Amino acid sequence: MTKALDPRKAFGNAVRRLRTSQAISQEKLAEMSGIHRTYIGDVERGLRNIALINMTKIAHALGIRLSVLIRETEKLSGGLG
């Protein structure tokens, strides 16, 4: 049985994957979401226990539903349990 990835890292990986698939830089995502660039970088590295409001801002900036971002997180986590 494989150990589940820390959900903060899985979420960060999901944000990075979705951001880069749209060819959006961290700087542009920060601008679009109204969140500081260094915070976005910390999120992508799994260093932040991100608040729901910021998760929603990031999803909105990426033009996706928050549920899509959560599903991507779950795929990358290997199981959150």
Protein backbone atom coordinates (compact mmCIF):
# COMPACT_ATOMS: atom_id res chain seq x y z
CA MET A 1 0.00 0.00 0.00
CA THR A 2 1.41 3.39 -1.00
CA LYS A 3 1.42 6.27 1.40
CA ALA A 4 -0.92 9.12 0.47
CA LEU A 5 0.71 12.37 -0.60
CA ASP A 6 0.26 15.25 1.84
CA PRO A 7 -2.93 17.01 0.67
CA ARG A 8 -1.14 20.38 0.64
CA LYS A 9 1.43 19.00 -1.80
CA ALA A 10 -1.24 17.26 -3.88
CA PHE A 11 -3.24 20.50 -4.08
CA GLY A 12 -0.11 22.44 -5.05
CA ASN A 13 0.73 19.88 -7.73
CA ALA A 14 -2.82 20.14 -9.07
CA VAL A 15 -2.62 23.95 -9.22
CA ARG A 16 0.76 23.77 -10.99
CA ARG A 17 -0.47 21.16 -13.47
CA LEU A 18 -3.62 23.12 -14.33
CA ARG A 19 -1.74 26.43 -14.48
CA THR A 20 0.99 25.15 -16.77
CA SER A 21 -1.51 23.33 -19.01
CA GLN A 22 -2.93 26.78 -19.76
CA ALA A 23 0.54 28.34 -20.18
CA ILE A 24 -0.09 30.73 -17.28
CA SER A 25 2.87 31.93 -15.23
CA GLN A 26 2.75 32.10 -11.45
CA GLU A 27 2.88 35.87 -11.78
CA LYS A 28 -0.12 35.93 -14.12
CA LEU A 29 -2.10 33.54 -11.89
CA ALA A 30 -1.33 35.77 -8.91
CA GLU A 31 -2.56 38.81 -10.81
CA MET A 32 -5.70 37.03 -12.04
CA SER A 33 -6.57 35.68 -8.59
CA GLY A 34 -5.63 38.71 -6.50
CA ILE A 35 -3.21 36.56 -4.47
CA HIS A 36 0.45 37.48 -3.99
CA ARG A 37 2.89 35.63 -6.27
CA THR A 38 4.99 34.28 -3.40
CA TYR A 39 1.84 32.83 -1.83
CA ILE A 40 1.01 31.07 -5.13
CA GLY A 41 4.55 29.67 -5.15
CA ASP A 42 4.18 28.45 -1.57
CA VAL A 43 0.85 26.82 -2.47
CA GLU A 44 2.41 25.01 -5.42
CA ARG A 45 5.24 23.73 -3.21
CA GLY A 46 2.75 22.51 -0.60
CA LEU A 47 3.96 24.94 2.04
CA ARG A 48 0.58 26.55 2.68
CA ASN A 49 -2.50 25.15 4.34
CA ILE A 50 -4.62 27.16 1.93
CA ALA A 51 -7.97 28.66 2.93
CA LEU A 52 -11.15 27.85 1.05
CA ILE A 53 -11.50 31.46 -0.14
CA ASN A 54 -8.06 31.31 -1.79
CA MET A 55 -8.78 27.91 -3.31
CA THR A 56 -11.89 29.43 -4.85
CA LYS A 57 -9.96 32.46 -6.15
CA ILE A 58 -7.38 30.21 -7.81
CA ALA A 59 -10.02 28.00 -9.41
CA HIS A 60 -11.87 31.06 -10.70
CA ALA A 61 -8.64 32.53 -12.12
CA LEU A 62 -7.96 29.22 -13.90
CA GLY A 63 -11.49 29.31 -15.33
CA ILE A 64 -12.50 26.05 -13.65
CA ARG A 65 -14.89 24.97 -10.92
CA LEU A 66 -13.37 24.38 -7.51
CA SER A 67 -14.65 20.79 -7.75
CA VAL A 68 -12.37 20.23 -10.77
CA LEU A 69 -9.37 21.43 -8.78
CA ILE A 70 -10.33 19.17 -5.86
CA ARG A 71 -10.77 16.15 -8.17
CA GLU A 72 -7.33 16.81 -9.66
CA THR A 73 -5.94 17.03 -6.13
CA GLU A 74 -7.50 13.69 -5.24
CA LYS A 75 -6.05 12.06 -8.38
CA LEU A 76 -2.57 13.27 -7.50
CA SER A 77 -2.78 12.48 -3.79
CA GLY A 78 -2.90 8.72 -4.05
CA GLY A 79 -5.78 8.77 -1.57
CA LEU A 80 -6.34 11.32 1.14
CA GLY A 81 -7.00 8.86 3.91
